[in-house]
Each structure stands twice: as structure tokens, then as C-alpha cells.
Amino acid sequence: TVVLIGLHESESVLQVNHIIRSEIRLAGAFAYTPQD
């Protein structure tokens, strides 16, 4: 799993074929809930 937190650049080119073939889970993490 890759968790993206930083918001430095709005766009990035990623190696999508590698993500697919390696079944990598790509997730964003934004802010928090009241429970967090």
C-alpha cells in the first residue's frame, strides 16, 4: 500500500502499469474524522 498525504504538487506522472501488475493499493489520506 502507498498512502499519499503530501499536497505539494497537484499533478504527478506515475508508473501505472507497475501499480497494476504489482497490485499496489494507492490511497489518499485527507484530514481526519472526529473519531481520529
PDB file of all heavy atoms in Angstrom:
ATOM      1  N   THR A   1       0.832  -1.200   0.000  1.00  0.00           N
ATOM      2  CA  THR A   1       0.000   0.000   0.000  1.00  0.00           C
ATOM      3  C   THR A   1       0.869   1.253   0.000  1.00  0.00           C
ATOM      4  O   THR A   1       1.876   1.312   0.716  1.00  0.00           O
ATOM      5  CB  THR A   1      -0.918   0.028   1.234  1.00  0.00           C
ATOM      6  OG1 THR A   1      -1.760  -1.135   1.217  1.00  0.00           O
ATOM      7  CG2 THR A   1      -1.800   1.277   1.250  1.00  0.00           C
ATOM      8  N   VAL A   2       0.467   2.232  -0.787  1.00  0.00           N
ATOM      9  CA  VAL A   2       1.089   3.556  -0.783  1.00  0.00           C
ATOM     10  C   VAL A   2       0.032   4.556  -0.327  1.00  0.00           C
ATOM     11  O   VAL A   2      -1.060   4.624  -0.908  1.00  0.00           O
ATOM     12  CB  VAL A   2       1.616   3.941  -2.178  1.00  0.00           C
ATOM     13  CG1 VAL A   2       2.091   5.395  -2.188  1.00  0.00           C
ATOM     14  CG2 VAL A   2       2.742   3.006  -2.604  1.00  0.00           C
ATOM     15  N   VAL A   3       0.348   5.318   0.716  1.00  0.00           N
ATOM     16  CA  VAL A   3      -0.569   6.331   1.234  1.00  0.00           C
ATOM     17  C   VAL A   3       0.020   7.706   0.934  1.00  0.00           C
ATOM     18  O   VAL A   3       1.123   8.030   1.384  1.00  0.00           O
ATOM     19  CB  VAL A   3      -0.809   6.175   2.745  1.00  0.00           C
ATOM     20  CG1 VAL A   3      -1.809   7.221   3.234  1.00  0.00           C
ATOM     21  CG2 VAL A   3      -1.325   4.775   3.065  1.00  0.00           C
ATOM     22  N   LEU A   4      -0.717   8.491   0.158  1.00  0.00           N
ATOM     23  CA  LEU A   4      -0.281   9.830  -0.225  1.00  0.00           C
ATOM     24  C   LEU A   4      -0.900  10.853   0.714  1.00  0.00           C
ATOM     25  O   LEU A   4      -2.126  10.976   0.802  1.00  0.00           O
ATOM     26  CB  LEU A   4      -0.693  10.124  -1.674  1.00  0.00           C
ATOM     27  CG  LEU A   4      -0.201   9.119  -2.729  1.00  0.00           C
ATOM     28  CD1 LEU A   4      -0.743   9.497  -4.101  1.00  0.00           C
ATOM     29  CD2 LEU A   4       1.324   9.054  -2.748  1.00  0.00           C
ATOM     30  N   ILE A   5      -0.051  11.599   1.412  1.00  0.00           N
ATOM     31  CA  ILE A   5      -0.506  12.614   2.361  1.00  0.00           C
ATOM     32  C   ILE A   5      -0.148  14.010   1.869  1.00  0.00           C
ATOM     33  O   ILE A   5      -0.949  14.945   1.942  1.00  0.00           O
ATOM     34  CB  ILE A   5       0.126  12.399   3.749  1.00  0.00           C
ATOM     35  CG1 ILE A   5      -0.010  10.947   4.193  1.00  0.00           C
ATOM     36  CG2 ILE A   5      -0.513  13.332   4.785  1.00  0.00           C
ATOM     37  CD1 ILE A   5       0.827  10.599   5.420  1.00  0.00           C
ATOM     38  N   GLY A   6       1.083  14.173   1.374  1.00  0.00           N
ATOM     39  CA  GLY A   6       1.579  15.492   0.984  1.00  0.00           C
ATOM     40  C   GLY A   6       0.838  16.080  -0.201  1.00  0.00           C
ATOM     41  O   GLY A   6       0.488  15.385  -1.148  1.00  0.00           O
ATOM     42  N   LEU A   7       0.615  17.390  -0.142  1.00  0.00           N
ATOM     43  CA  LEU A   7      -0.125  18.113  -1.180  1.00  0.00           C
ATOM     44  C   LEU A   7       0.764  19.102  -1.928  1.00  0.00           C
ATOM     45  O   LEU A   7       0.281  20.098  -2.457  1.00  0.00           O
ATOM     46  CB  LEU A   7      -1.306  18.865  -0.544  1.00  0.00           C
ATOM     47  CG  LEU A   7      -2.445  18.001   0.001  1.00  0.00           C
ATOM     48  CD1 LEU A   7      -3.347  18.816   0.899  1.00  0.00           C
ATOM     49  CD2 LEU A   7      -3.243  17.407  -1.149  1.00  0.00           C
ATOM     50  N   HIS A   8       2.050  18.813  -1.999  1.00  0.00           N
ATOM     51  CA  HIS A   8       2.991  19.788  -2.565  1.00  0.00           C
ATOM     52  C   HIS A   8       2.716  20.084  -4.035  1.00  0.00           C
ATOM     53  O   HIS A   8       2.662  21.233  -4.450  1.00  0.00           O
ATOM     54  CB  HIS A   8       4.418  19.281  -2.391  1.00  0.00           C
ATOM     55  CG  HIS A   8       5.470  20.219  -2.870  1.00  0.00           C
ATOM     56  ND1 HIS A   8       5.688  21.452  -2.282  1.00  0.00           N
ATOM     57  CD2 HIS A   8       6.350  20.126  -3.893  1.00  0.00           C
ATOM     58  CE1 HIS A   8       6.664  22.062  -2.924  1.00  0.00           C
ATOM     59  NE2 HIS A   8       7.088  21.295  -3.899  1.00  0.00           N
ATOM     60  N   GLU A   9       2.546  19.053  -4.850  1.00  0.00           N
ATOM     61  CA  GLU A   9       2.271  19.227  -6.284  1.00  0.00           C
ATOM     62  C   GLU A   9       0.891  18.664  -6.602  1.00  0.00           C
ATOM     63  O   GLU A   9       0.528  17.586  -6.118  1.00  0.00           O
ATOM     64  CB  GLU A   9       3.338  18.527  -7.131  1.00  0.00           C
ATOM     65  CG  GLU A   9       4.726  19.153  -6.993  1.00  0.00           C
ATOM     66  CD  GLU A   9       5.778  18.450  -7.847  1.00  0.00           C
ATOM     67  OE1 GLU A   9       5.419  17.582  -8.665  1.00  0.00           O
ATOM     68  OE2 GLU A   9       6.968  18.770  -7.683  1.00  0.00           O
ATOM     69  N   SER A  10       0.133  19.379  -7.437  1.00  0.00           N
ATOM     70  CA  SER A  10      -1.242  18.961  -7.714  1.00  0.00           C
ATOM     71  C   SER A  10      -1.313  17.794  -8.690  1.00  0.00           C
ATOM     72  O   SER A  10      -2.294  17.035  -8.686  1.00  0.00           O
ATOM     73  CB  SER A  10      -2.056  20.136  -8.265  1.00  0.00           C
ATOM     74  OG  SER A  10      -1.496  20.606  -9.485  1.00  0.00           O
ATOM     75  N   GLU A  11      -0.286  17.618  -9.530  1.00  0.00           N
ATOM     76  CA  GLU A  11      -0.295  16.531 -10.510  1.00  0.00           C
ATOM     77  C   GLU A  11       1.064  15.830 -10.540  1.00  0.00           C
ATOM     78  O   GLU A  11       2.098  16.465 -10.350  1.00  0.00           O
ATOM     79  CB  GLU A  11      -0.618  17.062 -11.913  1.00  0.00           C
ATOM     80  CG  GLU A  11      -2.010  17.669 -12.042  1.00  0.00           C
ATOM     81  CD  GLU A  11      -2.310  18.127 -13.463  1.00  0.00           C
ATOM     82  OE1 GLU A  11      -1.457  17.907 -14.343  1.00  0.00           O
ATOM     83  OE2 GLU A  11      -3.388  18.702 -13.676  1.00  0.00           O
ATOM     84  N   SER A  12       1.011  14.512 -10.789  1.00  0.00           N
ATOM     85  CA  SER A  12       2.239  13.726 -10.921  1.00  0.00           C
ATOM     86  C   SER A  12       2.017  12.618 -11.936  1.00  0.00           C
ATOM     87  O   SER A  12       0.916  12.075 -12.049  1.00  0.00           O
ATOM     88  CB  SER A  12       2.641  13.100  -9.580  1.00  0.00           C
ATOM     89  OG  SER A  12       2.961  14.088  -8.625  1.00  0.00           O
ATOM     90  N   VAL A  13       3.078  12.277 -12.667  1.00  0.00           N
ATOM     91  CA  VAL A  13       3.034  11.143 -13.579  1.00  0.00           C
ATOM     92  C   VAL A  13       3.525   9.921 -12.802  1.00  0.00           C
ATOM     93  O   VAL A  13       4.623   9.922 -12.248  1.00  0.00           O
ATOM     94  CB  VAL A  13       3.920  11.386 -14.808  1.00  0.00           C
ATOM     95  CG1 VAL A  13       3.947  10.145 -15.693  1.00  0.00           C
ATOM     96  CG2 VAL A  13       3.417  12.598 -15.585  1.00  0.00           C
ATOM     97  N   LEU A  14       2.701   8.870 -12.781  1.00  0.00           N
ATOM     98  CA  LEU A  14       3.047   7.658 -12.047  1.00  0.00           C
ATOM     99  C   LEU A  14       3.116   6.459 -12.983  1.00  0.00           C
ATOM    100  O   LEU A  14       2.471   6.444 -14.036  1.00  0.00           O
ATOM    101  CB  LEU A  14       2.022   7.394 -10.942  1.00  0.00           C
ATOM    102  CG  LEU A  14       1.930   8.452  -9.835  1.00  0.00           C
ATOM    103  CD1 LEU A  14       0.823   8.088  -8.864  1.00  0.00           C
ATOM    104  CD2 LEU A  14       3.260   8.596  -9.107  1.00  0.00           C
ATOM    105  N   GLN A  15       3.853   5.449 -12.573  1.00  0.00           N
ATOM    106  CA  GLN A  15       4.058   4.252 -13.366  1.00  0.00           C
ATOM    107  C   GLN A  15       2.861   3.308 -13.164  1.00  0.00           C
ATOM    108  O   GLN A  15       2.936   2.320 -12.436  1.00  0.00           O
ATOM    109  CB  GLN A  15       5.397   3.592 -13.012  1.00  0.00           C
ATOM    110  CG  GLN A  15       5.642   3.368 -11.529  1.00  0.00           C
ATOM    111  CD  GLN A  15       6.171   4.573 -10.793  1.00  0.00           C
ATOM    112  OE1 GLN A  15       5.703   5.693 -10.983  1.00  0.00           O
ATOM    113  NE2 GLN A  15       7.157   4.354  -9.941  1.00  0.00           N
ATOM    114  N   VAL A  16       1.776   3.588 -13.833  1.00  0.00           N
ATOM    115  CA  VAL A  16       0.513   2.893 -13.591  1.00  0.00           C
ATOM    116  C   VAL A  16       0.587   1.410 -13.923  1.00  0.00           C
ATOM    117  O   VAL A  16       0.025   0.572 -13.212  1.00  0.00           O
ATOM    118  CB  VAL A  16      -0.631   3.584 -14.368  1.00  0.00           C
ATOM    119  CG1 VAL A  16      -1.935   2.821 -14.191  1.00  0.00           C
ATOM    120  CG2 VAL A  16      -0.795   5.025 -13.893  1.00  0.00           C
ATOM    121  N   ASN A  17       1.280   1.040 -15.001  1.00  0.00           N
ATOM    122  CA  ASN A  17       1.391  -0.378 -15.342  1.00  0.00           C
ATOM    123  C   ASN A  17       2.049  -1.168 -14.208  1.00  0.00           C
ATOM    124  O   ASN A  17       1.660  -2.300 -13.904  1.00  0.00           O
ATOM    125  CB  ASN A  17       2.157  -0.572 -16.644  1.00  0.00           C
ATOM    126  CG  ASN A  17       1.315  -0.269 -17.866  1.00  0.00           C
ATOM    127  OD1 ASN A  17       0.142   0.061 -17.745  1.00  0.00           O
ATOM    128  ND2 ASN A  17       1.913  -0.358 -19.042  1.00  0.00           N
ATOM    129  N   HIS A  18       3.053  -0.565 -13.586  1.00  0.00           N
ATOM    130  CA  HIS A  18       3.716  -1.218 -12.446  1.00  0.00           C
ATOM    131  C   HIS A  18       2.733  -1.354 -11.281  1.00  0.00           C
ATOM    132  O   HIS A  18       2.700  -2.402 -10.600  1.00  0.00           O
ATOM    133  CB  HIS A  18       4.939  -0.406 -12.017  1.00  0.00           C
ATOM    134  CG  HIS A  18       5.555  -0.875 -10.737  1.00  0.00           C
ATOM    135  ND1 HIS A  18       6.178  -2.097 -10.613  1.00  0.00           N
ATOM    136  CD2 HIS A  18       5.613  -0.283  -9.511  1.00  0.00           C
ATOM    137  CE1 HIS A  18       6.615  -2.237  -9.371  1.00  0.00           C
ATOM    138  NE2 HIS A  18       6.285  -1.159  -8.682  1.00  0.00           N
ATOM    139  N   ILE A  19       1.926  -0.318 -11.043  1.00  0.00           N
ATOM    140  CA  ILE A  19       0.930  -0.373  -9.969  1.00  0.00           C
ATOM    141  C   ILE A  19      -0.050  -1.514 -10.214  1.00  0.00           C
ATOM    142  O   ILE A  19      -0.384  -2.291  -9.307  1.00  0.00           O
ATOM    143  CB  ILE A  19       0.183   0.975  -9.867  1.00  0.00           C
ATOM    144  CG1 ILE A  19       1.142   2.078  -9.407  1.00  0.00           C
ATOM    145  CG2 ILE A  19      -1.011   0.870  -8.923  1.00  0.00           C
ATOM    146  CD1 ILE A  19       0.557   3.483  -9.496  1.00  0.00           C
ATOM    147  N   ILE A  20      -0.488  -1.646 -11.473  1.00  0.00           N
ATOM    148  CA  ILE A  20      -1.441  -2.712 -11.821  1.00  0.00           C
ATOM    149  C   ILE A  20      -0.800  -4.087 -11.674  1.00  0.00           C
ATOM    150  O   ILE A  20      -1.353  -4.989 -11.018  1.00  0.00           O
ATOM    151  CB  ILE A  20      -1.954  -2.508 -13.256  1.00  0.00           C
ATOM    152  CG1 ILE A  20      -2.782  -1.212 -13.346  1.00  0.00           C
ATOM    153  CG2 ILE A  20      -2.794  -3.708 -13.696  1.00  0.00           C
ATOM    154  CD1 ILE A  20      -3.102  -0.792 -14.760  1.00  0.00           C
ATOM    155  N   ARG A  21       0.355  -4.259 -12.268  1.00  0.00           N
ATOM    156  CA  ARG A  21       0.986  -5.586 -12.287  1.00  0.00           C
ATOM    157  C   ARG A  21       1.474  -6.026 -10.912  1.00  0.00           C
ATOM    158  O   ARG A  21       1.634  -7.233 -10.663  1.00  0.00           O
ATOM    159  CB  ARG A  21       2.146  -5.581 -13.281  1.00  0.00           C
ATOM    160  CG  ARG A  21       1.688  -5.504 -14.740  1.00  0.00           C
ATOM    161  CD  ARG A  21       2.827  -5.262 -15.692  1.00  0.00           C
ATOM    162  NE  ARG A  21       2.359  -5.221 -17.082  1.00  0.00           N
ATOM    163  CZ  ARG A  21       2.932  -4.519 -18.046  1.00  0.00           C
ATOM    164  NH1 ARG A  21       4.019  -3.798 -17.782  1.00  0.00           N
ATOM    165  NH2 ARG A  21       2.437  -4.533 -19.273  1.00  0.00           N
ATOM    166  N   SER A  22       1.705  -5.074 -10.035  1.00  0.00           N
ATOM    167  CA  SER A  22       2.152  -5.407  -8.679  1.00  0.00           C
ATOM    168  C   SER A  22       1.007  -5.348  -7.664  1.00  0.00           C
ATOM    169  O   SER A  22       1.229  -5.557  -6.463  1.00  0.00           O
ATOM    170  CB  SER A  22       3.271  -4.453  -8.234  1.00  0.00           C
ATOM    171  OG  SER A  22       4.374  -4.536  -9.100  1.00  0.00           O
ATOM    172  N   GLU A  23      -0.183  -5.059  -8.156  1.00  0.00           N
ATOM    173  CA  GLU A  23      -1.365  -4.943  -7.289  1.00  0.00           C
ATOM    174  C   GLU A  23      -1.089  -4.044  -6.080  1.00  0.00           C
ATOM    175  O   GLU A  23      -1.393  -4.376  -4.935  1.00  0.00           O
ATOM    176  CB  GLU A  23      -1.861  -6.313  -6.836  1.00  0.00           C
ATOM    177  CG  GLU A  23      -2.461  -7.133  -7.977  1.00  0.00           C
ATOM    178  CD  GLU A  23      -3.234  -8.353  -7.511  1.00  0.00           C
ATOM    179  OE1 GLU A  23      -3.150  -8.706  -6.315  1.00  0.00           O
ATOM    180  OE2 GLU A  23      -3.956  -8.932  -8.347  1.00  0.00           O
ATOM    181  N   ILE A  24      -0.496  -2.901  -6.355  1.00  0.00           N
ATOM    182  CA  ILE A  24      -0.227  -1.926  -5.305  1.00  0.00           C
ATOM    183  C   ILE A  24      -1.480  -1.093  -5.066  1.00  0.00           C
ATOM    184  O   ILE A  24      -2.082  -0.576  -6.009  1.00  0.00           O
ATOM    185  CB  ILE A  24       0.965  -1.031  -5.686  1.00  0.00           C
ATOM    186  CG1 ILE A  24       2.246  -1.864  -5.711  1.00  0.00           C
ATOM    187  CG2 ILE A  24       1.103   0.134  -4.711  1.00  0.00           C
ATOM    188  CD1 ILE A  24       3.427  -1.150  -6.303  1.00  0.00           C
ATOM    189  N   ARG A  25      -1.863  -0.967  -3.837  1.00  0.00           N
ATOM    190  CA  ARG A  25      -3.014  -0.139  -3.478  1.00  0.00           C
ATOM    191  C   ARG A  25      -2.532   1.289  -3.244  1.00  0.00           C
ATOM    192  O   ARG A  25      -1.658   1.521  -2.410  1.00  0.00           O
ATOM    193  CB  ARG A  25      -3.705  -0.694  -2.234  1.00  0.00           C
ATOM    194  CG  ARG A  25      -4.461  -1.984  -2.500  1.00  0.00           C
ATOM    195  CD  ARG A  25      -5.065  -2.559  -1.233  1.00  0.00           C
ATOM    196  NE  ARG A  25      -4.027  -3.103  -0.365  1.00  0.00           N
ATOM    197  CZ  ARG A  25      -3.517  -4.329  -0.493  1.00  0.00           C
ATOM    198  NH1 ARG A  25      -3.958  -5.128  -1.451  1.00  0.00           N
ATOM    199  NH2 ARG A  25      -2.587  -4.758   0.332  1.00  0.00           N
ATOM    200  N   LEU A  26      -3.118   2.218  -3.974  1.00  0.00           N
ATOM    201  CA  LEU A  26      -2.743   3.624  -3.895  1.00  0.00           C
ATOM    202  C   LEU A  26      -3.897   4.376  -3.241  1.00  0.00           C
ATOM    203  O   LEU A  26      -5.027   4.345  -3.737  1.00  0.00           O
ATOM    204  CB  LEU A  26      -2.475   4.154  -5.306  1.00  0.00           C
ATOM    205  CG  LEU A  26      -1.772   5.497  -5.464  1.00  0.00           C
ATOM    206  CD1 LEU A  26      -0.375   5.456  -4.881  1.00  0.00           C
ATOM    207  CD2 LEU A  26      -1.712   5.881  -6.937  1.00  0.00           C
ATOM    208  N   ALA A  27      -3.633   5.033  -2.125  1.00  0.00           N
ATOM    209  CA  ALA A  27      -4.710   5.691  -1.376  1.00  0.00           C
ATOM    210  C   ALA A  27      -4.292   7.094  -0.970  1.00  0.00           C
ATOM    211  O   ALA A  27      -3.122   7.357  -0.672  1.00  0.00           O
ATOM    212  CB  ALA A  27      -5.070   4.877  -0.132  1.00  0.00           C
ATOM    213  N   GLY A  28      -5.242   7.987  -0.949  1.00  0.00           N
ATOM    214  CA  GLY A  28      -5.032   9.319  -0.406  1.00  0.00           C
ATOM    215  C   GLY A  28      -5.505   9.361   1.038  1.00  0.00           C
ATOM    216  O   GLY A  28      -6.396   8.612   1.439  1.00  0.00           O
ATOM    217  N   ALA A  29      -4.894  10.225   1.830  1.00  0.00           N
ATOM    218  CA  ALA A  29      -5.321  10.448   3.216  1.00  0.00           C
ATOM    219  C   ALA A  29      -5.498  11.943   3.413  1.00  0.00           C
ATOM    220  O   ALA A  29      -4.531  12.703   3.326  1.00  0.00           O
ATOM    221  CB  ALA A  29      -4.300   9.895   4.202  1.00  0.00           C
ATOM    222  N   PHE A  30      -6.738  12.344   3.671  1.00  0.00           N
ATOM    223  CA  PHE A  30      -7.028  13.772   3.786  1.00  0.00           C
ATOM    224  C   PHE A  30      -7.661  14.077   5.143  1.00  0.00           C
ATOM    225  O   PHE A  30      -8.696  13.498   5.501  1.00  0.00           O
ATOM    226  CB  PHE A  30      -7.976  14.212   2.667  1.00  0.00           C
ATOM    227  CG  PHE A  30      -8.414  15.649   2.788  1.00  0.00           C
ATOM    228  CD1 PHE A  30      -7.521  16.674   2.529  1.00  0.00           C
ATOM    229  CD2 PHE A  30      -9.700  15.973   3.174  1.00  0.00           C
ATOM    230  CE1 PHE A  30      -7.906  18.002   2.651  1.00  0.00           C
ATOM    231  CE2 PHE A  30     -10.094  17.294   3.296  1.00  0.00           C
ATOM    232  CZ  PHE A  30      -9.195  18.312   3.036  1.00  0.00           C
ATOM    233  N   ALA A  31      -7.048  14.971   5.876  1.00  0.00           N
ATOM    234  CA  ALA A  31      -7.591  15.461   7.142  1.00  0.00           C
ATOM    235  C   ALA A  31      -7.896  14.295   8.094  1.00  0.00           C
ATOM    236  O   ALA A  31      -7.063  13.404   8.268  1.00  0.00           O
ATOM    237  CB  ALA A  31      -8.816  16.345   6.899  1.00  0.00           C
ATOM    238  N   TYR A  32      -9.113  14.278   8.674  1.00  0.00           N
ATOM    239  CA  TYR A  32      -9.420  13.344   9.759  1.00  0.00           C
ATOM    240  C   TYR A  32     -10.909  13.422  10.061  1.00  0.00           C
ATOM    241  O   TYR A  32     -11.608  14.371   9.687  1.00  0.00           O
ATOM    242  CB  TYR A  32      -8.632  13.730  11.026  1.00  0.00           C
ATOM    243  CG  TYR A  32      -8.591  15.227  11.196  1.00  0.00           C
ATOM    244  CD1 TYR A  32      -9.665  15.927  11.753  1.00  0.00           C
ATOM    245  CD2 TYR A  32      -7.515  15.974  10.728  1.00  0.00           C
ATOM    246  CE1 TYR A  32      -9.661  17.310  11.849  1.00  0.00           C
ATOM    247  CE2 TYR A  32      -7.500  17.347  10.808  1.00  0.00           C
ATOM    248  CZ  TYR A  32      -8.576  18.012  11.373  1.00  0.00           C
ATOM    249  OH  TYR A  32      -8.580  19.378  11.447  1.00  0.00           O
ATOM    250  N   THR A  33     -11.396  12.415  10.751  1.00  0.00           N
ATOM    251  CA  THR A  33     -12.766  12.418  11.256  1.00  0.00           C
ATOM    252  C   THR A  33     -12.743  12.860  12.717  1.00  0.00           C
ATOM    253  O   THR A  33     -11.668  12.888  13.353  1.00  0.00           O
ATOM    254  CB  THR A  33     -13.382  11.019  11.173  1.00  0.00           C
ATOM    255  OG1 THR A  33     -12.684  10.158  12.096  1.00  0.00           O
ATOM    256  CG2 THR A  33     -13.271  10.447   9.755  1.00  0.00           C
ATOM    257  N   PRO A  34     -13.898  13.175  13.301  1.00  0.00           N
ATOM    258  CA  PRO A  34     -13.916  13.479  14.740  1.00  0.00           C
ATOM    259  C   PRO A  34     -13.341  12.345  15.587  1.00  0.00           C
ATOM    260  O   PRO A  34     -12.679  12.595  16.605  1.00  0.00           O
ATOM    261  CB  PRO A  34     -15.409  13.699  15.030  1.00  0.00           C
ATOM    262  CG  PRO A  34     -15.961  14.207  13.737  1.00  0.00           C
ATOM    263  CD  PRO A  34     -15.210  13.444  12.675  1.00  0.00           C
ATOM    264  N   GLN A  35     -13.565  11.093  15.168  1.00  0.00           N
ATOM    265  CA  GLN A  35     -13.004   9.960  15.895  1.00  0.00           C
ATOM    266  C   GLN A  35     -11.481   9.972  15.831  1.00  0.00           C
ATOM    267  O   GLN A  35     -10.805   9.721  16.838  1.00  0.00           O
ATOM    268  CB  GLN A  35     -13.543   8.648  15.318  1.00  0.00           C
ATOM    269  CG  GLN A  35     -12.991   7.392  15.984  1.00  0.00           C
ATOM    270  CD  GLN A  35     -13.344   7.285  17.451  1.00  0.00           C
ATOM    271  OE1 GLN A  35     -14.416   7.729  17.870  1.00  0.00           O
ATOM    272  NE2 GLN A  35     -12.437   6.729  18.250  1.00  0.00           N
ATOM    273  N   ASP A  36     -10.924  10.275  14.652  1.00  0.00           N
ATOM    274  CA  ASP A  36      -9.470  10.364  14.519  1.00  0.00           C
ATOM    275  C   ASP A  36      -8.918  11.455  15.439  1.00  0.00           C
ATOM    276  O   ASP A  36      -7.869  11.270  16.073  1.00  0.00           O
ATOM    277  CB  ASP A  36      -9.079  10.684  13.074  1.00  0.00           C
ATOM    278  CG  ASP A  36      -9.514   9.625  12.080  1.00  0.00           C
ATOM    279  OD1 ASP A  36      -9.521   8.440  12.432  1.00  0.00           O
ATOM    280  OD2 ASP A  36      -9.863  10.010  10.935  1.00  0.00           O
TER     281      ASP A  36
END
